[in-house]
Amino acid sequence: MDYLTVRVKGPDVSASRQVYTGWAEGFAGLADYFQGLTDSWRGWDGERVFESIEADLRIAARHDGHVRLSVVLWESAEPRGWRVEAELRLDAGEQLADAARDLSALLRP
């Protein structure tokens, strides 16, 4: 998989972007990132960040009892391209584990 289509959708916005993997292992690193969050479900200090090679997808996770994911999707091919940011709140237990499991199934060959 050379590209992954990422969508951000909410009541007032909808955006999608094909994000280039740029790595030999594809998006397995994104699955590993979510697995790392799941392994630390009791909490961590600061932010844990995943960023695509072209910086058009950035996910920053904070833990405050819940896991808060700040997702930035950016049309990086243009210097003044569009940028969409959304925040998701997940339960640190089952919701996060389900997300990690679903991503692993989708992204690992």
N, C-alpha and C. Protein backbone atom coordinates (compact mmCIF):
# COMPACT_ATOMS: atom_id res chain seq x y z
N MET A 1 0.85 -1.17 0.00
CA MET A 1 0.00 0.00 0.00
C MET A 1 0.90 1.23 0.00
N ASP A 2 0.89 2.01 -1.08
CA ASP A 2 1.70 3.22 -1.18
C ASP A 2 1.01 4.43 -0.57
N TYR A 3 -0.32 4.42 -0.60
CA TYR A 3 -1.10 5.55 -0.10
C TYR A 3 -2.20 5.04 0.81
N LEU A 4 -2.57 5.87 1.74
CA LEU A 4 -3.69 5.60 2.62
C LEU A 4 -4.61 6.81 2.55
N THR A 5 -5.88 6.59 2.27
CA THR A 5 -6.82 7.70 2.25
C THR A 5 -7.29 7.95 3.67
N VAL A 6 -7.05 9.16 4.15
CA VAL A 6 -7.42 9.56 5.50
C VAL A 6 -8.56 10.56 5.39
N ARG A 7 -9.60 10.34 6.19
CA ARG A 7 -10.77 11.23 6.18
C ARG A 7 -10.99 11.81 7.57
N VAL A 8 -11.28 13.08 7.60
CA VAL A 8 -11.70 13.76 8.83
C VAL A 8 -13.10 14.26 8.55
N LYS A 9 -14.04 13.85 9.41
CA LYS A 9 -15.44 14.19 9.15
C LYS A 9 -16.09 14.59 10.46
N GLY A 10 -16.82 15.69 10.42
CA GLY A 10 -17.56 16.16 11.58
C GLY A 10 -18.82 16.85 11.12
N PRO A 11 -19.57 17.43 12.06
CA PRO A 11 -20.83 18.06 11.70
C PRO A 11 -20.68 19.22 10.71
N ASP A 12 -19.55 19.93 10.77
CA ASP A 12 -19.38 21.11 9.93
C ASP A 12 -18.24 21.01 8.94
N VAL A 13 -17.57 19.85 8.87
CA VAL A 13 -16.41 19.74 7.99
C VAL A 13 -16.25 18.31 7.50
N SER A 14 -15.72 18.19 6.31
CA SER A 14 -15.39 16.88 5.77
C SER A 14 -14.17 17.08 4.86
N ALA A 15 -13.11 16.32 5.13
CA ALA A 15 -11.89 16.44 4.32
C ALA A 15 -11.28 15.07 4.17
N SER A 16 -10.62 14.86 3.04
CA SER A 16 -9.89 13.61 2.85
C SER A 16 -8.62 13.91 2.08
N ARG A 17 -7.65 13.05 2.28
CA ARG A 17 -6.34 13.24 1.64
C ARG A 17 -5.70 11.88 1.47
N GLN A 18 -5.06 11.66 0.34
CA GLN A 18 -4.25 10.46 0.16
C GLN A 18 -2.88 10.76 0.74
N VAL A 19 -2.52 10.02 1.78
CA VAL A 19 -1.25 10.22 2.48
C VAL A 19 -0.27 9.16 1.99
N TYR A 20 0.90 9.59 1.57
CA TYR A 20 1.94 8.71 1.05
C TYR A 20 2.68 8.03 2.19
N THR A 21 2.93 6.74 2.06
CA THR A 21 3.62 6.01 3.12
C THR A 21 5.08 6.42 3.21
N GLY A 22 5.81 6.31 2.13
CA GLY A 22 7.21 6.71 2.12
C GLY A 22 8.16 5.79 2.86
N TRP A 23 7.68 4.74 3.46
CA TRP A 23 8.52 3.80 4.19
C TRP A 23 8.36 2.42 3.59
N ALA A 24 9.39 1.62 3.67
CA ALA A 24 9.34 0.26 3.12
C ALA A 24 8.26 -0.57 3.80
N GLU A 25 8.03 -0.34 5.10
CA GLU A 25 7.03 -1.13 5.83
C GLU A 25 5.62 -0.55 5.71
N GLY A 26 5.44 0.48 4.87
CA GLY A 26 4.12 1.06 4.68
C GLY A 26 3.65 1.77 5.94
N PHE A 27 2.39 1.59 6.29
CA PHE A 27 1.82 2.25 7.45
C PHE A 27 1.84 1.38 8.70
N ALA A 28 2.69 0.36 8.72
CA ALA A 28 2.82 -0.46 9.93
C ALA A 28 3.22 0.40 11.12
N GLY A 29 3.97 1.49 10.88
CA GLY A 29 4.36 2.40 11.95
C GLY A 29 3.18 3.05 12.63
N LEU A 30 2.11 3.32 11.86
CA LEU A 30 0.90 3.89 12.45
C LEU A 30 0.21 2.85 13.35
N ALA A 31 0.19 1.61 12.90
CA ALA A 31 -0.37 0.54 13.73
C ALA A 31 0.46 0.37 14.99
N ASP A 32 1.79 0.43 14.87
CA ASP A 32 2.68 0.34 16.03
C ASP A 32 2.44 1.50 17.00
N TYR A 33 2.23 2.69 16.47
CA TYR A 33 1.95 3.87 17.29
C TYR A 33 0.71 3.63 18.16
N PHE A 34 -0.38 3.15 17.54
CA PHE A 34 -1.60 2.90 18.30
C PHE A 34 -1.42 1.74 19.28
N GLN A 35 -0.64 0.74 18.90
CA GLN A 35 -0.37 -0.35 19.84
C GLN A 35 0.41 0.16 21.05
N GLY A 36 1.35 1.08 20.82
CA GLY A 36 2.09 1.68 21.92
C GLY A 36 1.20 2.47 22.86
N LEU A 37 0.21 3.18 22.30
CA LEU A 37 -0.75 3.89 23.14
C LEU A 37 -1.56 2.91 23.97
N THR A 38 -1.97 1.82 23.34
CA THR A 38 -2.75 0.79 24.04
C THR A 38 -1.92 0.15 25.15
N ASP A 39 -0.65 -0.12 24.88
CA ASP A 39 0.22 -0.72 25.90
C ASP A 39 0.40 0.19 27.11
N SER A 40 0.25 1.49 26.91
CA SER A 40 0.41 2.48 27.99
C SER A 40 -0.94 3.05 28.42
N TRP A 41 -1.99 2.25 28.35
CA TRP A 41 -3.35 2.74 28.57
C TRP A 41 -3.56 3.41 29.92
N ARG A 42 -2.71 3.15 30.89
CA ARG A 42 -2.87 3.78 32.20
C ARG A 42 -2.38 5.22 32.22
N GLY A 43 -1.64 5.61 31.17
CA GLY A 43 -1.24 7.02 31.08
C GLY A 43 0.21 7.22 30.73
N TRP A 44 0.52 8.42 30.29
CA TRP A 44 1.89 8.85 29.96
C TRP A 44 1.93 10.36 30.11
N ASP A 45 3.14 10.88 30.16
CA ASP A 45 3.35 12.33 30.25
C ASP A 45 3.52 12.92 28.86
N GLY A 46 3.03 14.12 28.68
CA GLY A 46 3.23 14.84 27.43
C GLY A 46 2.44 14.27 26.27
N GLU A 47 2.96 14.51 25.08
CA GLU A 47 2.33 14.05 23.84
C GLU A 47 3.13 12.93 23.22
N ARG A 48 2.41 12.04 22.57
CA ARG A 48 3.03 11.03 21.71
C ARG A 48 2.53 11.32 20.30
N VAL A 49 3.49 11.44 19.35
CA VAL A 49 3.15 11.95 18.02
C VAL A 49 3.50 10.93 16.95
N PHE A 50 2.59 10.81 15.98
CA PHE A 50 2.85 10.10 14.72
C PHE A 50 2.72 11.14 13.63
N GLU A 51 3.68 11.14 12.70
CA GLU A 51 3.61 12.07 11.58
C GLU A 51 4.02 11.34 10.31
N SER A 52 3.26 11.54 9.24
CA SER A 52 3.61 10.94 7.96
C SER A 52 4.87 11.58 7.41
N ILE A 53 5.50 10.91 6.47
CA ILE A 53 6.79 11.36 5.95
C ILE A 53 6.70 12.73 5.28
N GLU A 54 5.56 13.05 4.68
CA GLU A 54 5.39 14.35 4.04
C GLU A 54 4.67 15.35 4.96
N ALA A 55 4.47 14.97 6.21
CA ALA A 55 3.85 15.82 7.24
C ALA A 55 2.42 16.24 6.91
N ASP A 56 1.75 15.50 6.02
CA ASP A 56 0.36 15.85 5.71
C ASP A 56 -0.64 15.15 6.62
N LEU A 57 -0.15 14.27 7.49
CA LEU A 57 -0.95 13.65 8.53
C LEU A 57 -0.15 13.69 9.82
N ARG A 58 -0.75 14.25 10.86
CA ARG A 58 -0.10 14.29 12.17
C ARG A 58 -1.15 13.92 13.21
N ILE A 59 -0.79 12.98 14.07
CA ILE A 59 -1.65 12.57 15.17
C ILE A 59 -0.87 12.75 16.46
N ALA A 60 -1.41 13.53 17.37
CA ALA A 60 -0.77 13.74 18.67
C ALA A 60 -1.73 13.23 19.75
N ALA A 61 -1.24 12.36 20.62
CA ALA A 61 -2.07 11.77 21.67
C ALA A 61 -1.64 12.31 23.03
N ARG A 62 -2.63 12.71 23.82
CA ARG A 62 -2.43 13.10 25.21
C ARG A 62 -3.32 12.22 26.07
N HIS A 63 -2.90 12.00 27.30
CA HIS A 63 -3.67 11.15 28.23
C HIS A 63 -4.04 11.99 29.44
N ASP A 64 -5.33 12.06 29.71
CA ASP A 64 -5.82 12.78 30.90
C ASP A 64 -6.90 11.96 31.61
N GLY A 65 -6.73 10.65 31.57
CA GLY A 65 -7.77 9.74 32.03
C GLY A 65 -8.49 9.14 30.83
N HIS A 66 -8.62 9.93 29.79
CA HIS A 66 -9.05 9.50 28.46
C HIS A 66 -7.88 9.74 27.52
N VAL A 67 -7.96 9.22 26.33
CA VAL A 67 -6.95 9.49 25.32
C VAL A 67 -7.53 10.51 24.37
N ARG A 68 -6.85 11.64 24.25
CA ARG A 68 -7.28 12.70 23.35
C ARG A 68 -6.34 12.72 22.15
N LEU A 69 -6.92 12.49 20.98
CA LEU A 69 -6.15 12.46 19.74
C LEU A 69 -6.41 13.74 18.96
N SER A 70 -5.38 14.50 18.71
CA SER A 70 -5.47 15.66 17.85
C SER A 70 -4.98 15.21 16.47
N VAL A 71 -5.88 15.25 15.49
CA VAL A 71 -5.56 14.78 14.14
C VAL A 71 -5.51 15.99 13.21
N VAL A 72 -4.39 16.15 12.53
CA VAL A 72 -4.22 17.23 11.57
C VAL A 72 -4.02 16.61 10.19
N LEU A 73 -4.82 17.05 9.26
CA LEU A 73 -4.72 16.62 7.87
C LEU A 73 -4.46 17.88 7.06
N TRP A 74 -3.44 17.84 6.20
CA TRP A 74 -2.98 19.05 5.52
C TRP A 74 -2.70 18.77 4.06
N GLU A 75 -3.14 19.64 3.20
CA GLU A 75 -2.87 19.54 1.78
C GLU A 75 -1.50 20.18 1.55
N SER A 76 -0.46 19.39 1.75
CA SER A 76 0.90 19.92 1.83
C SER A 76 1.55 20.23 0.49
N ALA A 77 0.95 19.84 -0.62
CA ALA A 77 1.55 20.08 -1.93
C ALA A 77 1.54 21.57 -2.29
N GLU A 78 0.68 22.32 -1.67
CA GLU A 78 0.57 23.76 -1.92
C GLU A 78 1.07 24.52 -0.69
N PRO A 79 1.88 25.56 -0.90
CA PRO A 79 2.39 26.33 0.25
C PRO A 79 1.28 26.88 1.15
N ARG A 80 0.17 27.24 0.57
CA ARG A 80 -0.96 27.74 1.36
C ARG A 80 -2.14 26.77 1.26
N GLY A 81 -1.84 25.49 1.21
CA GLY A 81 -2.87 24.47 1.11
C GLY A 81 -3.77 24.43 2.34
N TRP A 82 -4.89 23.77 2.21
CA TRP A 82 -5.84 23.71 3.31
C TRP A 82 -5.31 22.84 4.45
N ARG A 83 -5.88 23.05 5.61
CA ARG A 83 -5.49 22.31 6.83
C ARG A 83 -6.74 22.11 7.66
N VAL A 84 -6.95 20.88 8.12
CA VAL A 84 -8.10 20.54 8.96
C VAL A 84 -7.56 19.89 10.23
N GLU A 85 -8.10 20.30 11.35
CA GLU A 85 -7.70 19.71 12.63
C GLU A 85 -8.95 19.30 13.39
N ALA A 86 -8.90 18.11 13.97
CA ALA A 86 -10.03 17.60 14.75
C ALA A 86 -9.48 16.92 16.00
N GLU A 87 -10.27 16.90 17.05
CA GLU A 87 -9.87 16.19 18.25
C GLU A 87 -10.89 15.10 18.55
N LEU A 88 -10.35 13.93 18.86
CA LEU A 88 -11.17 12.78 19.23
C LEU A 88 -10.87 12.40 20.67
N ARG A 89 -11.87 11.95 21.38
CA ARG A 89 -11.66 11.47 22.74
C ARG A 89 -12.04 10.00 22.79
N LEU A 90 -11.08 9.18 23.23
CA LEU A 90 -11.31 7.74 23.34
C LEU A 90 -11.16 7.30 24.78
N ASP A 91 -11.94 6.31 25.16
CA ASP A 91 -11.74 5.65 26.43
C ASP A 91 -10.36 4.99 26.38
N ALA A 92 -9.60 5.10 27.45
CA ALA A 92 -8.23 4.57 27.46
C ALA A 92 -8.18 3.05 27.44
N GLY A 93 -9.30 2.39 27.67
CA GLY A 93 -9.33 0.93 27.68
C GLY A 93 -9.81 0.35 26.37
N GLU A 94 -11.07 -0.07 26.35
CA GLU A 94 -11.60 -0.82 25.20
C GLU A 94 -11.64 -0.03 23.90
N GLN A 95 -12.05 1.24 23.94
CA GLN A 95 -12.12 2.01 22.69
C GLN A 95 -10.74 2.12 22.04
N LEU A 96 -9.73 2.41 22.85
CA LEU A 96 -8.38 2.52 22.32
C LEU A 96 -7.89 1.18 21.80
N ALA A 97 -8.13 0.11 22.55
CA ALA A 97 -7.71 -1.23 22.12
C ALA A 97 -8.42 -1.63 20.82
N ASP A 98 -9.70 -1.31 20.71
CA ASP A 98 -10.44 -1.62 19.47
C ASP A 98 -9.86 -0.85 18.28
N ALA A 99 -9.54 0.44 18.48
CA ALA A 99 -8.96 1.24 17.41
C ALA A 99 -7.61 0.66 16.97
N ALA A 100 -6.78 0.28 17.93
CA ALA A 100 -5.47 -0.30 17.61
C ALA A 100 -5.62 -1.61 16.85
N ARG A 101 -6.56 -2.44 17.27
CA ARG A 101 -6.80 -3.73 16.62
C ARG A 101 -7.30 -3.52 15.19
N ASP A 102 -8.25 -2.59 15.02
CA ASP A 102 -8.79 -2.33 13.69
C ASP A 102 -7.72 -1.77 12.74
N LEU A 103 -6.90 -0.85 13.24
CA LEU A 103 -5.82 -0.30 12.41
C LEU A 103 -4.81 -1.36 12.03
N SER A 104 -4.47 -2.21 12.98
CA SER A 104 -3.51 -3.29 12.69
C SER A 104 -4.05 -4.19 11.59
N ALA A 105 -5.32 -4.55 11.67
CA ALA A 105 -5.93 -5.41 10.65
C ALA A 105 -5.94 -4.73 9.28
N LEU A 106 -6.14 -3.42 9.27
CA LEU A 106 -6.20 -2.68 8.01
C LEU A 106 -4.82 -2.42 7.41
N LEU A 107 -3.84 -2.16 8.25
CA LEU A 107 -2.56 -1.66 7.77
C LEU A 107 -1.45 -2.68 7.66
N ARG A 108 -1.59 -3.79 8.29
CA ARG A 108 -0.52 -4.80 8.22
C ARG A 108 -0.83 -5.79 7.10
N PRO A 109 0.20 -6.12 6.31
CA PRO A 109 -0.02 -7.07 5.21
C PRO A 109 -0.35 -8.47 5.69
